[in-house]
Amino acid sequence: MRNELRCLQPEEIKITSKTSNILSFIQELLHNFWQNTVKILSSDYQELEVIQKVDRKGNIYWQAYDPISGKSYSSGSEVDVCMWIEQLYR
């Protein structure tokens, strides 16, 4: 009986454009997850939140939310949202 050890040659890893796209997608998912986690952990849960959004037709609108009162307001006008906030805190 012969005692021979053979090492297998590692296969060459080929990164194709499909593999590269998948890796980029996974990297972007992890990045977004991390950013959202940091945002949630560092945010003040009682702070008024105002977000500018865009609907399917490309129209810009504003959405405000007050976590203390639980009230929210949406409008296509930034001025209207500012007025709502002022009335909320009077």
PDB file of N, CA and C in Angstrom:
ATOM      1  N   MET A   1       0.832  -1.160   0.000  1.00  0.00           N
ATOM      2  CA  MET A   1       0.000   0.000   0.000  1.00  0.00           C
ATOM      3  C   MET A   1       0.890   1.241   0.000  1.00  0.00           C
ATOM      4  N   ARG A   2       0.599   2.114  -0.916  1.00  0.00           N
ATOM      5  CA  ARG A   2       1.395   3.332  -1.021  1.00  0.00           C
ATOM      6  C   ARG A   2       0.673   4.458  -0.319  1.00  0.00           C
ATOM      7  N   ASN A   3       1.415   5.233   0.394  1.00  0.00           N
ATOM      8  CA  ASN A   3       0.860   6.380   1.106  1.00  0.00           C
ATOM      9  C   ASN A   3       1.187   7.644   0.327  1.00  0.00           C
ATOM     10  N   GLU A   4       0.284   8.024  -0.531  1.00  0.00           N
ATOM     11  CA  GLU A   4       0.505   9.225  -1.338  1.00  0.00           C
ATOM     12  C   GLU A   4      -0.550  10.259  -0.999  1.00  0.00           C
ATOM     13  N   LEU A   5      -0.114  11.462  -0.795  1.00  0.00           N
ATOM     14  CA  LEU A   5      -1.036  12.568  -0.573  1.00  0.00           C
ATOM     15  C   LEU A   5      -1.091  13.419  -1.823  1.00  0.00           C
ATOM     16  N   ARG A   6      -2.280  13.720  -2.217  1.00  0.00           N
ATOM     17  CA  ARG A   6      -2.441  14.582  -3.382  1.00  0.00           C
ATOM     18  C   ARG A   6      -3.227  15.815  -2.973  1.00  0.00           C
ATOM     19  N   CYS A   7      -2.761  16.908  -3.378  1.00  0.00           N
ATOM     20  CA  CYS A   7      -3.488  18.156  -3.134  1.00  0.00           C
ATOM     21  C   CYS A   7      -4.299  18.485  -4.372  1.00  0.00           C
ATOM     22  N   LEU A   8      -5.523  18.836  -4.120  1.00  0.00           N
ATOM     23  CA  LEU A   8      -6.363  19.239  -5.237  1.00  0.00           C
ATOM     24  C   LEU A   8      -6.056  20.690  -5.575  1.00  0.00           C
ATOM     25  N   GLN A   9      -5.996  20.964  -6.815  1.00  0.00           N
ATOM     26  CA  GLN A   9      -5.751  22.331  -7.251  1.00  0.00           C
ATOM     27  C   GLN A   9      -7.044  23.132  -7.116  1.00  0.00           C
ATOM     28  N   PRO A  10      -6.967  24.305  -6.500  1.00  0.00           N
ATOM     29  CA  PRO A  10      -8.190  25.109  -6.373  1.00  0.00           C
ATOM     30  C   PRO A  10      -8.656  25.567  -7.749  1.00  0.00           C
ATOM     31  N   GLU A  11      -9.967  25.549  -7.909  1.00  0.00           N
ATOM     32  CA  GLU A  11     -10.515  26.017  -9.171  1.00  0.00           C
ATOM     33  C   GLU A  11     -10.424  27.536  -9.221  1.00  0.00           C
ATOM     34  N   GLU A  12     -10.190  27.994 -10.366  1.00  0.00           N
ATOM     35  CA  GLU A  12     -10.096  29.442 -10.545  1.00  0.00           C
ATOM     36  C   GLU A  12     -11.492  30.048 -10.437  1.00  0.00           C
ATOM     37  N   ILE A  13     -11.632  31.078  -9.600  1.00  0.00           N
ATOM     38  CA  ILE A  13     -12.914  31.731  -9.429  1.00  0.00           C
ATOM     39  C   ILE A  13     -13.045  32.799 -10.502  1.00  0.00           C
ATOM     40  N   LYS A  14     -14.093  32.658 -11.281  1.00  0.00           N
ATOM     41  CA  LYS A  14     -14.324  33.617 -12.344  1.00  0.00           C
ATOM     42  C   LYS A  14     -15.489  34.517 -11.941  1.00  0.00           C
ATOM     43  N   ILE A  15     -15.249  35.799 -11.924  1.00  0.00           N
ATOM     44  CA  ILE A  15     -16.301  36.752 -11.610  1.00  0.00           C
ATOM     45  C   ILE A  15     -16.885  37.236 -12.920  1.00  0.00           C
ATOM     46  N   THR A  16     -18.107  36.828 -13.148  1.00  0.00           N
ATOM     47  CA  THR A  16     -18.789  37.239 -14.362  1.00  0.00           C
ATOM     48  C   THR A  16     -19.568  38.511 -14.080  1.00  0.00           C
ATOM     49  N   SER A  17     -20.125  39.088 -15.104  1.00  0.00           N
ATOM     50  CA  SER A  17     -20.907  40.311 -14.911  1.00  0.00           C
ATOM     51  C   SER A  17     -22.148  40.009 -14.076  1.00  0.00           C
ATOM     52  N   LYS A  18     -22.710  38.798 -14.215  1.00  0.00           N
ATOM     53  CA  LYS A  18     -23.874  38.418 -13.414  1.00  0.00           C
ATOM     54  C   LYS A  18     -23.494  38.340 -11.935  1.00  0.00           C
ATOM     55  N   THR A  19     -22.361  37.726 -11.638  1.00  0.00           N
ATOM     56  CA  THR A  19     -21.873  37.633 -10.265  1.00  0.00           C
ATOM     57  C   THR A  19     -21.586  39.017  -9.712  1.00  0.00           C
ATOM     58  N   SER A  20     -20.998  39.855 -10.526  1.00  0.00           N
ATOM     59  CA  SER A  20     -20.687  41.219 -10.113  1.00  0.00           C
ATOM     60  C   SER A  20     -21.959  42.001  -9.797  1.00  0.00           C
ATOM     61  N   ASN A  21     -22.997  41.821 -10.627  1.00  0.00           N
ATOM     62  CA  ASN A  21     -24.277  42.489 -10.377  1.00  0.00           C
ATOM     63  C   ASN A  21     -24.907  42.014  -9.080  1.00  0.00           C
ATOM     64  N   ILE A  22     -24.831  40.723  -8.814  1.00  0.00           N
ATOM     65  CA  ILE A  22     -25.389  40.173  -7.582  1.00  0.00           C
ATOM     66  C   ILE A  22     -24.636  40.715  -6.375  1.00  0.00           C
ATOM     67  N   LEU A  23     -23.312  40.750  -6.468  1.00  0.00           N
ATOM     68  CA  LEU A  23     -22.507  41.282  -5.369  1.00  0.00           C
ATOM     69  C   LEU A  23     -22.804  42.755  -5.127  1.00  0.00           C
ATOM     70  N   SER A  24     -22.969  43.521  -6.185  1.00  0.00           N
ATOM     71  CA  SER A  24     -23.309  44.939  -6.046  1.00  0.00           C
ATOM     72  C   SER A  24     -24.671  45.108  -5.404  1.00  0.00           C
ATOM     73  N   PHE A  25     -25.626  44.271  -5.796  1.00  0.00           N
ATOM     74  CA  PHE A  25     -26.970  44.324  -5.226  1.00  0.00           C
ATOM     75  C   PHE A  25     -26.938  44.004  -3.734  1.00  0.00           C
ATOM     76  N   ILE A  26     -26.212  42.963  -3.356  1.00  0.00           N
ATOM     77  CA  ILE A  26     -26.095  42.583  -1.948  1.00  0.00           C
ATOM     78  C   ILE A  26     -25.404  43.686  -1.157  1.00  0.00           C
ATOM     79  N   GLN A  27     -24.362  44.263  -1.728  1.00  0.00           N
ATOM     80  CA  GLN A  27     -23.644  45.353  -1.061  1.00  0.00           C
ATOM     81  C   GLN A  27     -24.572  46.550  -0.845  1.00  0.00           C
ATOM     82  N   GLU A  28     -25.388  46.877  -1.839  1.00  0.00           N
ATOM     83  CA  GLU A  28     -26.322  47.991  -1.708  1.00  0.00           C
ATOM     84  C   GLU A  28     -27.381  47.700  -0.646  1.00  0.00           C
ATOM     85  N   LEU A  29     -27.886  46.465  -0.608  1.00  0.00           N
ATOM     86  CA  LEU A  29     -28.861  46.081   0.415  1.00  0.00           C
ATOM     87  C   LEU A  29     -28.278  46.225   1.819  1.00  0.00           C
ATOM     88  N   LEU A  30     -27.072  45.733   2.008  1.00  0.00           N
ATOM     89  CA  LEU A  30     -26.421  45.839   3.314  1.00  0.00           C
ATOM     90  C   LEU A  30     -26.167  47.291   3.697  1.00  0.00           C
ATOM     91  N   HIS A  31     -25.764  48.095   2.731  1.00  0.00           N
ATOM     92  CA  HIS A  31     -25.519  49.509   2.988  1.00  0.00           C
ATOM     93  C   HIS A  31     -26.815  50.200   3.416  1.00  0.00           C
ATOM     94  N   ASN A  32     -27.910  49.952   2.680  1.00  0.00           N
ATOM     95  CA  ASN A  32     -29.197  50.560   3.026  1.00  0.00           C
ATOM     96  C   ASN A  32     -29.689  50.087   4.387  1.00  0.00           C
ATOM     97  N   PHE A  33     -29.514  48.796   4.672  1.00  0.00           N
ATOM     98  CA  PHE A  33     -29.908  48.260   5.972  1.00  0.00           C
ATOM     99  C   PHE A  33     -29.143  48.958   7.084  1.00  0.00           C
ATOM    100  N   TRP A  34     -27.843  49.105   6.909  1.00  0.00           N
ATOM    101  CA  TRP A  34     -27.012  49.752   7.927  1.00  0.00           C
ATOM    102  C   TRP A  34     -27.419  51.212   8.107  1.00  0.00           C
ATOM    103  N   GLN A  35     -27.628  51.944   7.027  1.00  0.00           N
ATOM    104  CA  GLN A  35     -28.024  53.345   7.111  1.00  0.00           C
ATOM    105  C   GLN A  35     -29.356  53.491   7.835  1.00  0.00           C
ATOM    106  N   ASN A  36     -30.321  52.644   7.511  1.00  0.00           N
ATOM    107  CA  ASN A  36     -31.623  52.704   8.178  1.00  0.00           C
ATOM    108  C   ASN A  36     -31.528  52.337   9.650  1.00  0.00           C
ATOM    109  N   THR A  37     -30.682  51.362   9.976  1.00  0.00           N
ATOM    110  CA  THR A  37     -30.492  50.978  11.372  1.00  0.00           C
ATOM    111  C   THR A  37     -29.899  52.132  12.172  1.00  0.00           C
ATOM    112  N   VAL A  38     -28.886  52.772  11.643  1.00  0.00           N
ATOM    113  CA  VAL A  38     -28.267  53.917  12.320  1.00  0.00           C
ATOM    114  C   VAL A  38     -29.276  55.049  12.473  1.00  0.00           C
ATOM    115  N   LYS A  39     -30.061  55.290  11.427  1.00  0.00           N
ATOM    116  CA  LYS A  39     -31.068  56.349  11.472  1.00  0.00           C
ATOM    117  C   LYS A  39     -32.094  56.085  12.574  1.00  0.00           C
ATOM    118  N   ILE A  40     -32.563  54.843  12.659  1.00  0.00           N
ATOM    119  CA  ILE A  40     -33.557  54.493  13.674  1.00  0.00           C
ATOM    120  C   ILE A  40     -32.976  54.600  15.077  1.00  0.00           C
ATOM    121  N   LEU A  41     -31.770  54.096  15.265  1.00  0.00           N
ATOM    122  CA  LEU A  41     -31.170  54.106  16.594  1.00  0.00           C
ATOM    123  C   LEU A  41     -30.794  55.502  17.067  1.00  0.00           C
ATOM    124  N   SER A  42     -30.497  56.395  16.137  1.00  0.00           N
ATOM    125  CA  SER A  42     -30.053  57.731  16.534  1.00  0.00           C
ATOM    126  C   SER A  42     -31.161  58.775  16.498  1.00  0.00           C
ATOM    127  N   SER A  43     -32.360  58.382  16.067  1.00  0.00           N
ATOM    128  CA  SER A  43     -33.427  59.374  15.951  1.00  0.00           C
ATOM    129  C   SER A  43     -34.150  59.560  17.280  1.00  0.00           C
ATOM    130  N   ASP A  44     -34.727  60.729  17.425  1.00  0.00           N
ATOM    131  CA  ASP A  44     -35.537  61.059  18.589  1.00  0.00           C
ATOM    132  C   ASP A  44     -36.974  60.717  18.229  1.00  0.00           C
ATOM    133  N   TYR A  45     -37.568  59.802  18.958  1.00  0.00           N
ATOM    134  CA  TYR A  45     -38.900  59.314  18.617  1.00  0.00           C
ATOM    135  C   TYR A  45     -40.000  60.338  18.873  1.00  0.00           C
ATOM    136  N   GLN A  46     -39.687  61.445  19.527  1.00  0.00           N
ATOM    137  CA  GLN A  46     -40.695  62.461  19.792  1.00  0.00           C
ATOM    138  C   GLN A  46     -40.493  63.691  18.915  1.00  0.00           C
ATOM    139  N   GLU A  47     -39.645  63.599  17.947  1.00  0.00           N
ATOM    140  CA  GLU A  47     -39.341  64.726  17.072  1.00  0.00           C
ATOM    141  C   GLU A  47     -40.301  64.760  15.887  1.00  0.00           C
ATOM    142  N   LEU A  48     -40.767  65.950  15.564  1.00  0.00           N
ATOM    143  CA  LEU A  48     -41.639  66.146  14.410  1.00  0.00           C
ATOM    144  C   LEU A  48     -40.894  65.722  13.147  1.00  0.00           C
ATOM    145  N   GLU A  49     -41.580  65.019  12.267  1.00  0.00           N
ATOM    146  CA  GLU A  49     -40.951  64.515  11.050  1.00  0.00           C
ATOM    147  C   GLU A  49     -41.642  65.132   9.839  1.00  0.00           C
ATOM    148  N   VAL A  50     -40.860  65.745   8.964  1.00  0.00           N
ATOM    149  CA  VAL A  50     -41.378  66.323   7.729  1.00  0.00           C
ATOM    150  C   VAL A  50     -40.569  65.738   6.568  1.00  0.00           C
ATOM    151  N   ILE A  51     -41.283  65.166   5.600  1.00  0.00           N
ATOM    152  CA  ILE A  51     -40.619  64.498   4.487  1.00  0.00           C
ATOM    153  C   ILE A  51     -41.172  65.038   3.169  1.00  0.00           C
ATOM    154  N   GLN A  52     -40.267  65.291   2.232  1.00  0.00           N
ATOM    155  CA  GLN A  52     -40.680  65.665   0.888  1.00  0.00           C
ATOM    156  C   GLN A  52     -40.737  64.381   0.064  1.00  0.00           C
ATOM    157  N   LYS A  53     -41.878  64.154  -0.591  1.00  0.00           N
ATOM    158  CA  LYS A  53     -42.063  62.930  -1.371  1.00  0.00           C
ATOM    159  C   LYS A  53     -42.460  63.270  -2.799  1.00  0.00           C
ATOM    160  N   VAL A  54     -42.380  62.265  -3.663  1.00  0.00           N
ATOM    161  CA  VAL A  54     -42.775  62.402  -5.053  1.00  0.00           C
ATOM    162  C   VAL A  54     -43.748  61.267  -5.375  1.00  0.00           C
ATOM    163  N   ASP A  55     -44.913  61.607  -5.938  1.00  0.00           N
ATOM    164  CA  ASP A  55     -45.880  60.568  -6.281  1.00  0.00           C
ATOM    165  C   ASP A  55     -45.539  59.932  -7.628  1.00  0.00           C
ATOM    166  N   ARG A  56     -46.374  59.000  -8.066  1.00  0.00           N
ATOM    167  CA  ARG A  56     -46.104  58.261  -9.308  1.00  0.00           C
ATOM    168  C   ARG A  56     -46.056  59.153 -10.534  1.00  0.00           C
ATOM    169  N   LYS A  57     -46.781  60.250 -10.484  1.00  0.00           N
ATOM    170  CA  LYS A  57     -46.827  61.164 -11.629  1.00  0.00           C
ATOM    171  C   LYS A  57     -45.698  62.195 -11.598  1.00  0.00           C
ATOM    172  N   GLY A  58     -44.873  62.149 -10.567  1.00  0.00           N
ATOM    173  CA  GLY A  58     -43.750  63.080 -10.455  1.00  0.00           C
ATOM    174  C   GLY A  58     -44.073  64.354  -9.707  1.00  0.00           C
ATOM    175  N   ASN A  59     -45.263  64.425  -9.114  1.00  0.00           N
ATOM    176  CA  ASN A  59     -45.642  65.608  -8.335  1.00  0.00           C
ATOM    177  C   ASN A  59     -44.988  65.558  -6.958  1.00  0.00           C
ATOM    178  N   ILE A  60     -44.464  66.686  -6.527  1.00  0.00           N
ATOM    179  CA  ILE A  60     -43.826  66.788  -5.217  1.00  0.00           C
ATOM    180  C   ILE A  60     -44.879  67.178  -4.194  1.00  0.00           C
ATOM    181  N   TYR A  61     -44.847  66.494  -3.041  1.00  0.00           N
ATOM    182  CA  TYR A  61     -45.725  66.862  -1.938  1.00  0.00           C
ATOM    183  C   TYR A  61     -44.985  66.681  -0.625  1.00  0.00           C
ATOM    184  N   TRP A  62     -45.555  67.248   0.430  1.00  0.00           N
ATOM    185  CA  TRP A  62     -44.943  67.229   1.748  1.00  0.00           C
ATOM    186  C   TRP A  62     -45.808  66.425   2.699  1.00  0.00           C
ATOM    187  N   GLN A  63     -45.163  65.672   3.576  1.00  0.00           N
ATOM    188  CA  GLN A  63     -45.874  64.892   4.574  1.00  0.00           C
ATOM    189  C   GLN A  63     -45.242  65.174   5.930  1.00  0.00           C
ATOM    190  N   ALA A  64     -46.105  65.545   6.906  1.00  0.00           N
ATOM    191  CA  ALA A  64     -45.625  65.843   8.256  1.00  0.00           C
ATOM    192  C   ALA A  64     -46.296  64.884   9.237  1.00  0.00           C
ATOM    193  N   TYR A  65     -45.548  64.497  10.265  1.00  0.00           N
ATOM    194  CA  TYR A  65     -46.071  63.589  11.276  1.00  0.00           C
ATOM    195  C   TYR A  65     -45.554  64.009  12.643  1.00  0.00           C
ATOM    196  N   ASP A  66     -46.487  64.114  13.594  1.00  0.00           N
ATOM    197  CA  ASP A  66     -46.132  64.447  14.973  1.00  0.00           C
ATOM    198  C   ASP A  66     -46.347  63.206  15.833  1.00  0.00           C
ATOM    199  N   PRO A  67     -45.275  62.535  16.283  1.00  0.00           N
ATOM    200  CA  PRO A  67     -45.429  61.296  17.047  1.00  0.00           C
ATOM    201  C   PRO A  67     -46.049  61.511  18.426  1.00  0.00           C
ATOM    202  N   ILE A  68     -45.953  62.709  18.968  1.00  0.00           N
ATOM    203  CA  ILE A  68     -46.524  62.976  20.295  1.00  0.00           C
ATOM    204  C   ILE A  68     -48.049  62.955  20.234  1.00  0.00           C
ATOM    205  N   SER A  69     -48.616  63.654  19.250  1.00  0.00           N
ATOM    206  CA  SER A  69     -50.077  63.707  19.123  1.00  0.00           C
ATOM    207  C   SER A  69     -50.620  62.591  18.234  1.00  0.00           C
ATOM    208  N   GLY A  70     -49.760  62.005  17.402  1.00  0.00           N
ATOM    209  CA  GLY A  70     -50.194  60.968  16.482  1.00  0.00           C
ATOM    210  C   GLY A  70     -50.856  61.532  15.229  1.00  0.00           C
ATOM    211  N   LYS A  71     -50.815  62.854  15.064  1.00  0.00           N
ATOM    212  CA  LYS A  71     -51.449  63.495  13.916  1.00  0.00           C
ATOM    213  C   LYS A  71     -50.471  63.583  12.747  1.00  0.00           C
ATOM    214  N   SER A  72     -51.043  63.548  11.533  1.00  0.00           N
ATOM    215  CA  SER A  72     -50.226  63.705  10.334  1.00  0.00           C
ATOM    216  C   SER A  72     -50.958  64.607   9.352  1.00  0.00           C
ATOM    217  N   TYR A  73     -50.204  65.146   8.411  1.00  0.00           N
ATOM    218  CA  TYR A  73     -50.764  66.074   7.430  1.00  0.00           C
ATOM    219  C   TYR A  73     -49.959  65.971   6.147  1.00  0.00           C
ATOM    220  N   SER A  74     -50.642  65.987   5.010  1.00  0.00           N
ATOM    221  CA  SER A  74     -49.983  65.968   3.703  1.00  0.00           C
ATOM    222  C   SER A  74     -50.516  67.107   2.857  1.00  0.00           C
ATOM    223  N   SER A  75     -49.625  67.729   2.079  1.00  0.00           N
ATOM    224  CA  SER A  75     -50.025  68.810   1.196  1.00  0.00           C
ATOM    225  C   SER A  75     -48.996  68.978   0.090  1.00  0.00           C
ATOM    226  N   GLY A  76     -49.455  69.530  -1.006  1.00  0.00           N
ATOM    227  CA  GLY A  76     -48.555  69.846  -2.104  1.00  0.00           C
ATOM    228  C   GLY A  76     -47.828  71.152  -1.875  1.00  0.00           C
ATOM    229  N   SER A  77     -48.209  71.850  -0.816  1.00  0.00           N
ATOM    230  CA  SER A  77     -47.618  73.149  -0.521  1.00  0.00           C
ATOM    231  C   SER A  77     -46.792  73.098   0.762  1.00  0.00           C
ATOM    232  N   GLU A  78     -45.557  73.525   0.664  1.00  0.00           N
ATOM    233  CA  GLU A  78     -44.678  73.591   1.832  1.00  0.00           C
ATOM    234  C   GLU A  78     -45.226  74.596   2.843  1.00  0.00           C
ATOM    235  N   VAL A  79     -45.807  75.683   2.355  1.00  0.00           N
ATOM    236  CA  VAL A  79     -46.369  76.716   3.219  1.00  0.00           C
ATOM    237  C   VAL A  79     -47.526  76.146   4.040  1.00  0.00           C
ATOM    238  N   ASP A  80     -48.391  75.345   3.407  1.00  0.00           N
ATOM    239  CA  ASP A  80     -49.503  74.726   4.127  1.00  0.00           C
ATOM    240  C   ASP A  80     -49.012  73.824   5.255  1.00  0.00           C
ATOM    241  N   VAL A  81     -47.959  73.074   5.002  1.00  0.00           N
ATOM    242  CA  VAL A  81     -47.403  72.190   6.024  1.00  0.00           C
ATOM    243  C   VAL A  81     -46.837  73.024   7.177  1.00  0.00           C
ATOM    244  N   CYS A  82     -46.162  74.118   6.866  1.00  0.00           N
ATOM    245  CA  CYS A  82     -45.633  75.007   7.912  1.00  0.00           C
ATOM    246  C   CYS A  82     -46.760  75.591   8.758  1.00  0.00           C
ATOM    247  N   MET A  83     -47.865  75.971   8.105  1.00  0.00           N
ATOM    248  CA  MET A  83     -49.017  76.505   8.837  1.00  0.00           C
ATOM    249  C   MET A  83     -49.625  75.440   9.741  1.00  0.00           C
ATOM    250  N   TRP A  84     -49.701  74.215   9.254  1.00  0.00           N
ATOM    251  CA  TRP A  84     -50.237  73.116  10.066  1.00  0.00           C
ATOM    252  C   TRP A  84     -49.381  72.890  11.310  1.00  0.00           C
ATOM    253  N   ILE A  85     -48.065  72.951  11.131  1.00  0.00           N
ATOM    254  CA  ILE A  85     -47.139  72.760  12.263  1.00  0.00           C
ATOM    255  C   ILE A  85     -47.331  73.886  13.278  1.00  0.00           C
ATOM    256  N   GLU A  86     -47.438  75.130  12.801  1.00  0.00           N
ATOM    257  CA  GLU A  86     -47.648  76.250  13.717  1.00  0.00           C
ATOM    258  C   GLU A  86     -48.937  76.099  14.494  1.00  0.00           C
ATOM    259  N   GLN A  87     -50.013  75.690  13.837  1.00  0.00           N
ATOM    260  CA  GLN A  87     -51.291  75.485  14.514  1.00  0.00           C
ATOM    261  C   GLN A  87     -51.241  74.329  15.506  1.00  0.00           C
ATOM    262  N   LEU A  88     -50.469  73.313  15.170  1.00  0.00           N
ATOM    263  CA  LEU A  88     -50.339  72.155  16.029  1.00  0.00           C
ATOM    264  C   LEU A  88     -49.714  72.508  17.383  1.00  0.00           C
ATOM    265  N   TYR A  89     -48.764  73.429  17.365  1.00  0.00           N
ATOM    266  CA  TYR A  89     -48.038  73.773  18.586  1.00  0.00           C
ATOM    267  C   TYR A  89     -48.546  75.029  19.276  1.00  0.00           C
ATOM    268  N   ARG A  90     -49.704  75.538  18.867  1.00  0.00           N
ATOM    269  CA  ARG A  90     -50.298  76.687  19.558  1.00  0.00           C
ATOM    270  C   ARG A  90     -51.083  76.244  20.735  1.00  0.00           C
TER     271      ARG A  90
END
